[in-house]
Each structure stands twice: as structure tokens, then as C-alpha cells.
């Protein structure tokens, strides 16, 4: 019989922007939860028009945007576009630090239609696999981790058995008032961090820039150099009207 993992810490959401809370950051719990280095949680009254963010640079990271109940559109650095439609107000953005050998690679994006997200019983499979359901995300690195959106009705229990090699774990109850996880009461909107099987909790230093998170200094330098190169291309293509810097957002070209 498998033993339950202990909850070692509960994290209260930190205000980050209007209607946005940050639950994981690379200089806080991201050191313990690596490769999960950011988790932003959107909740509140959102505009009916799709949310659009100006171009801003990142490197060394993969992002899972799960806009459950409000609209969002995006254009990536390669010109690919995607987005969702809706008017309600819950969403998440999970940032994953890429491993050596992957963090220096070319950028890519994939948009998954809501109808293409696998649903198994009361579980939506966002990353990885669960009971025969497999995420539509094609990236091989993403398949070694699991991210699920689980609906637990009153009087029922959900149990997840970790895949081999999965040591880092967290959970976020985001609807309702409170629930019990492994016998402990957990408050709505608080992230809980679990102990790791067979090892103590360790903290790992990360090499960070303003918008970059890498495993080593060399990759950080490469990532920031590539950001500047992409900025020069976007400027030449007329998509932005000022040179990219490594310390803030960049304005789009006015039309």
C-alpha cells in the first residue's frame, strides 16, 4: 500500500497585478518546486474583449496557459497566433524551467482547442497522461510531468498515484471554500507543497534575468542574446516600434 505524501507548506496568493495573484516565483517556492518556477492565477471581473499582452522577452521557459473561463489571444515570436473565447473569469499560467539541452532551443508554440483537451471522468488532462487520457501537447519534455484540472464533488475523493520519477508535487484548490488533502484542511486559493518521496526537500539556485530562468549562466547569456536578436527582427518587420531591452515590455507597432 502506497503512503501519502505529507504537506510541508501552504502558500498564500501574493497580489501581482489587477485580478492576478502569484503563487510560485523563481526566487521563492520555485527553488523547491523546480521545474515549476512561476504560477500565476487569474480571478475576478475580466473584460469581455480578449486580453492581449504586449511583446515581452522570455528565455529558458515553457508556458502552459490554461484560460478556463475568459478570453485571451496571443502571437508568439514566430508569428503564430491563437486564443480562446468566453466572458467568465478564471485562468492560470504555469511556467516551467527547461532542462539543459532544451533551454537553448528554438521557440515553438501550440494552441489546444478546449474540445481537444482530454477528459477522463472528472479530470481534464492538461499535461502528461491520466487513466488512458493523454495531453494533446506534443512536446516530449512536457510528457514527463502531469498537470490535471480535477473536479471533486462533495462526498467524493480523488486519488492520484504518481508516475515513476515524479518527485515534485503541488496542488491548488481554486473553487469552493476549503477541502481536505491527505487528511489536512486546505484553504481555497492556497497552494500546497508536498514532500518528496525518498528524499528531503532541497532548494536549487536558478540563474534568472528580468524575464529569463535558466539552469546555468551560459544558457542565461545565450537566452538573453537570442531575445535581442528576435527583437531586432521584430523591429525590422514593423511589429514593434522600439528596440527590445531585457528589463521591460515592448510596445507593438501602432496601426
Protein backbone atom coordinates (compact mmCIF):
# COMPACT_ATOMS: atom_id res chain seq x y z
CA UNK A 1 0.00 0.00 0.00
CA UNK A 2 1.45 3.36 -1.01
CA UNK A 3 1.99 6.02 1.64
CA UNK A 4 0.53 9.51 1.34
CA UNK A 5 2.86 12.43 0.83
CA UNK A 6 2.95 14.98 3.61
CA UNK A 7 2.09 18.64 3.05
CA UNK A 8 5.14 20.65 4.04
CA UNK A 9 3.89 24.16 3.31
CA UNK A 10 0.81 26.16 2.35
CA UNK A 11 1.36 29.26 0.18
CA UNK A 12 -0.96 32.25 0.34
CA UNK A 13 -1.51 34.03 -3.02
CA UNK A 14 0.52 37.22 -3.47
CA UNK A 15 -1.07 40.12 -5.42
CA UNK A 16 0.84 40.57 -8.68
CA UNK A 17 -1.43 42.64 -10.95
CA UNK A 18 -5.14 43.58 -11.04
CA UNK A 19 -7.08 40.29 -10.67
CA UNK A 20 -3.80 38.32 -10.82
CA UNK A 21 -2.09 36.51 -7.94
CA UNK A 22 1.30 34.82 -7.98
CA UNK A 23 1.63 31.54 -6.12
CA UNK A 24 5.05 30.36 -7.33
CA UNK A 25 8.06 32.55 -8.13
CA UNK A 26 11.65 31.54 -9.03
CA UNK A 27 13.14 33.34 -6.05
CA UNK A 28 10.62 31.88 -3.62
CA UNK A 29 8.97 28.46 -3.79
CA UNK A 30 10.17 27.95 -7.37
CA UNK A 31 13.51 26.87 -5.87
CA UNK A 32 11.76 23.98 -4.13
CA UNK A 33 9.26 23.23 -6.90
CA UNK A 34 11.67 23.31 -9.83
CA UNK A 35 10.97 22.85 -12.75
CA UNK A 36 7.76 24.76 -11.86
CA UNK A 37 9.10 28.30 -11.37
CA UNK A 38 6.04 30.54 -11.81
CA UNK A 39 2.32 30.06 -11.27
CA UNK A 40 0.00 33.00 -11.88
CA UNK A 41 -3.71 32.77 -11.07
CA UNK A 42 -6.29 35.00 -12.77
CA UNK A 43 -9.57 35.53 -10.94
CA UNK A 44 -12.08 38.38 -10.85
CA UNK A 45 -14.04 40.60 -13.19
CA UNK A 46 -12.28 40.43 -16.54
CA UNK A 47 -13.04 42.50 -19.66
CA UNK A 48 -15.31 40.94 -22.29
CA UNK A 49 -12.78 41.68 -25.01
CA UNK A 50 -9.85 39.24 -25.33
CA UNK A 51 -6.87 40.07 -23.13
CA UNK A 52 -3.73 40.90 -25.09
CA UNK A 53 -0.23 41.40 -23.64
CA UNK A 54 2.46 43.42 -25.39
CA UNK A 55 5.56 41.65 -26.60
CA UNK A 56 7.95 40.96 -23.75
CA UNK A 57 11.03 38.73 -23.72
CA UNK A 58 11.45 35.34 -22.07
CA UNK A 59 14.01 32.56 -22.34
CA UNK A 60 14.66 29.19 -20.74
CA UNK A 61 10.96 28.70 -20.05
CA UNK A 62 7.93 26.81 -21.33
CA UNK A 63 4.50 28.22 -20.51
CA UNK A 64 1.18 26.44 -20.06
CA UNK A 65 -1.68 28.95 -20.29
CA UNK A 66 -5.00 27.49 -19.16
CA UNK A 67 -7.63 30.16 -19.60
CA UNK A 68 -10.57 28.23 -18.24
CA UNK A 69 -13.25 30.90 -18.32
CA UNK A 70 -12.08 34.09 -20.00
CA UNK A 71 -10.84 35.12 -23.47
CA UNK A 72 -7.19 35.54 -24.41
CA UNK A 73 -5.26 35.89 -27.65
CA UNK A 74 -1.55 35.59 -28.36
CA UNK A 75 1.06 35.99 -31.07
CA UNK A 76 4.40 34.31 -30.47
CA UNK A 77 7.83 35.38 -31.69
CA UNK A 78 7.49 33.26 -34.82
CA UNK A 79 4.21 34.94 -35.80
CA UNK A 80 1.90 32.09 -34.76
CA UNK A 81 -1.43 33.13 -33.29
CA UNK A 82 -4.05 31.51 -31.08
CA UNK A 83 -6.65 32.34 -28.49
CA UNK A 84 -9.82 31.49 -26.63
CA UNK A 85 -13.32 32.92 -26.47
CA UNK A 86 -15.51 33.45 -23.42
CA UNK A 87 -16.54 36.01 -20.80
CA UNK A 88 -16.01 34.40 -17.39
CA UNK A 89 -13.06 34.87 -15.15
CA UNK A 90 -10.69 32.08 -14.13
CA UNK A 91 -7.33 31.20 -15.63
CA UNK A 92 -3.81 30.05 -14.86
CA UNK A 93 -0.36 30.44 -16.33
CA UNK A 94 2.27 27.88 -15.33
CA UNK A 95 5.93 28.48 -16.19
CA UNK A 96 8.32 25.56 -16.44
CA UNK A 97 12.11 25.85 -16.37
CA UNK A 98 13.57 23.88 -19.28
CA UNK A 99 16.44 21.43 -18.71
CA UNK A 100 19.96 21.69 -20.15
CA UNK A 101 19.98 20.79 -23.82
CA UNK A 102 16.41 22.06 -24.25
CA UNK A 103 16.54 25.56 -22.76
CA UNK A 104 18.78 26.82 -25.60
CA UNK A 105 16.49 25.51 -28.37
CA UNK A 106 14.26 27.31 -30.86
CA UNK A 107 10.95 28.74 -29.69
CA UNK A 108 7.68 26.98 -30.50
CA UNK A 109 4.01 27.23 -29.59
CA UNK A 110 0.93 25.04 -29.72
CA UNK A 111 -2.70 26.06 -29.24
CA UNK A 112 -5.08 23.37 -28.00
CA UNK A 113 -8.79 23.89 -28.64
CA UNK A 114 -10.89 23.35 -25.48
CA UNK A 115 -12.68 20.46 -27.20
CA UNK A 116 -9.31 18.74 -27.72
CA UNK A 117 -8.37 18.67 -24.02
CA UNK A 118 -8.80 15.02 -22.91
CA UNK A 119 -11.41 14.46 -20.19
CA UNK A 120 -11.33 11.27 -18.11
CA UNK A 121 -14.21 11.00 -15.63
CA UNK A 122 -13.90 14.21 -13.57
CA UNK A 123 -10.39 15.09 -14.77
CA UNK A 124 -9.10 17.32 -17.57
CA UNK A 125 -5.62 16.25 -18.67
CA UNK A 126 -3.60 19.42 -19.32
CA UNK A 127 -0.12 17.86 -19.28
CA UNK A 128 1.01 14.25 -19.32
CA UNK A 129 -1.45 11.39 -19.01
CA UNK A 130 -4.11 10.01 -16.70
CA UNK A 131 -6.03 6.71 -16.98
CA UNK A 132 -5.67 6.45 -20.73
CA UNK A 133 -6.17 10.15 -21.39
CA UNK A 134 -3.10 11.85 -22.84
CA UNK A 135 -2.44 15.56 -23.24
CA UNK A 136 -2.53 16.87 -26.81
CA UNK A 137 0.69 18.81 -26.18
CA UNK A 138 3.33 17.21 -28.39
CA UNK A 139 6.50 18.38 -26.62
CA UNK A 140 8.37 15.35 -25.30
CA UNK A 141 9.67 17.09 -22.17
CA UNK A 142 6.11 18.00 -21.15
CA UNK A 143 5.05 14.36 -21.19
CA UNK A 144 7.26 13.51 -18.20
CA UNK A 145 5.09 15.66 -15.90
CA UNK A 146 1.39 15.68 -15.10
CA UNK A 147 -0.96 18.64 -14.70
CA UNK A 148 -4.65 17.93 -14.10
CA UNK A 149 -7.77 20.03 -13.53
CA UNK A 150 -9.86 17.90 -11.18
CA UNK A 151 -13.49 18.40 -10.12
CA UNK A 152 -14.20 16.77 -6.75
CA UNK A 153 -17.87 16.65 -5.80
CA UNK A 154 -19.00 16.70 -2.17
CA UNK A 155 -18.70 13.32 -0.55
CA UNK A 156 -16.20 12.01 -3.11
CA UNK A 157 -12.43 11.52 -3.04
CA UNK A 158 -9.87 11.87 -5.82
CA UNK A 159 -6.64 9.88 -5.62
CA UNK A 160 -3.60 10.35 -7.84
CA UNK A 161 -0.80 7.78 -7.99
CA UNK A 162 2.46 9.37 -9.08
CA UNK A 163 4.24 8.20 -12.21
CA UNK A 164 7.71 6.77 -11.71
CA UNK A 165 10.26 9.56 -11.33
CA UNK A 166 7.74 12.24 -10.35
CA UNK A 167 9.10 13.73 -7.12
CA UNK A 168 7.89 17.34 -7.15
CA UNK A 169 4.20 17.87 -6.36
CA UNK A 170 1.80 20.69 -5.51
CA UNK A 171 -1.97 21.27 -5.56
CA UNK A 172 -4.22 24.35 -5.75
CA UNK A 173 -7.90 24.19 -4.73
CA UNK A 174 -9.40 27.15 -6.61
CA UNK A 175 -13.18 26.74 -6.25
CA UNK A 176 -15.22 26.27 -3.09
CA UNK A 177 -14.17 27.21 0.44
CA UNK A 178 -11.86 24.51 1.72
CA UNK A 179 -11.13 20.84 1.27
CA UNK A 180 -9.09 18.05 2.80
CA UNK A 181 -5.94 16.83 1.09
CA UNK A 182 -4.25 13.80 2.65
CA UNK A 183 -6.32 14.43 5.77
CA UNK A 184 -5.31 18.08 6.19
CA UNK A 185 -7.69 21.01 5.71
CA UNK A 186 -6.58 23.24 2.84
CA UNK A 187 -7.93 26.75 2.28
CA UNK A 188 -9.33 27.78 -1.10
CA UNK A 189 -6.80 29.72 -3.26
CA UNK A 190 -3.81 28.47 -1.22
CA UNK A 191 -1.16 26.36 -2.95
CA UNK A 192 0.07 23.35 -1.00
CA UNK A 193 3.52 21.84 -1.49
CA UNK A 194 4.13 18.15 -0.84
CA UNK A 195 7.17 16.36 0.49
CA UNK A 196 9.27 14.39 -1.99
CA UNK A 197 9.28 10.62 -1.91
CA UNK A 198 12.53 9.12 -0.69
CA UNK A 199 14.42 12.39 -0.28
CA UNK A 200 14.48 15.56 1.77
CA UNK A 201 13.40 18.92 0.41
CA UNK A 202 16.24 20.79 -1.25
CA UNK A 203 16.49 24.26 -2.73
CA UNK A 204 18.21 24.79 -6.07
CA UNK A 205 19.64 28.11 -7.21
CA UNK A 206 18.39 29.34 -10.58
CA UNK A 207 20.06 31.78 -12.96
CA UNK A 208 17.48 34.50 -13.55
CA UNK A 209 17.18 37.65 -15.60
CA UNK A 210 14.20 40.00 -15.68
CA UNK A 211 12.19 37.55 -17.81
CA UNK A 212 14.56 34.57 -18.06
CA UNK A 213 15.10 31.49 -15.91
CA UNK A 214 17.93 29.07 -16.72
CA UNK A 215 19.89 26.27 -15.13
CA UNK A 216 23.31 27.83 -15.78
CA UNK A 217 24.96 31.17 -16.54
CA UNK A 218 25.97 30.19 -20.08
CA UNK A 219 22.39 29.37 -21.07
CA UNK A 220 21.13 32.59 -19.47
CA UNK A 221 23.58 34.59 -21.60
CA UNK A 222 22.54 32.67 -24.74
CA UNK A 223 18.86 33.19 -24.00
CA UNK A 224 19.22 36.93 -23.47
CA UNK A 225 21.32 37.25 -26.64
CA UNK A 226 18.57 35.49 -28.60
CA UNK A 227 15.95 37.82 -27.10
CA UNK A 228 17.86 40.79 -28.51
CA UNK A 229 18.21 39.08 -31.92
CA UNK A 230 14.46 38.39 -32.08
CA UNK A 231 13.82 41.99 -31.06
CA UNK A 232 15.89 43.25 -33.99
CA UNK A 233 13.88 41.05 -36.38
CA UNK A 234 10.52 42.20 -34.98
CA UNK A 235 11.65 45.82 -35.26
CA UNK A 236 12.71 45.30 -38.89
CA UNK A 237 9.34 43.63 -39.65
CA UNK A 238 7.46 46.58 -38.17
CA UNK A 239 5.79 44.53 -35.41
CA UNK A 240 7.31 46.68 -32.66
CA UNK A 241 8.46 50.28 -32.80
CA UNK A 242 11.27 50.28 -30.27
CA UNK A 243 14.28 48.10 -29.67
CA UNK A 244 13.85 45.24 -27.21
CA UNK A 245 15.55 45.59 -23.87
CA UNK A 246 15.90 42.91 -21.25
CA UNK A 247 14.15 44.80 -18.48
CA UNK A 248 10.56 45.51 -19.52
CA UNK A 249 7.67 45.24 -22.01
CA UNK A 250 7.97 46.36 -25.62
CA UNK A 251 5.27 48.33 -27.40
CA UNK A 252 3.67 46.90 -30.51
CA UNK A 253 3.71 48.81 -33.79
CA UNK A 254 0.77 51.23 -33.89
CA UNK A 255 -1.66 50.80 -36.79
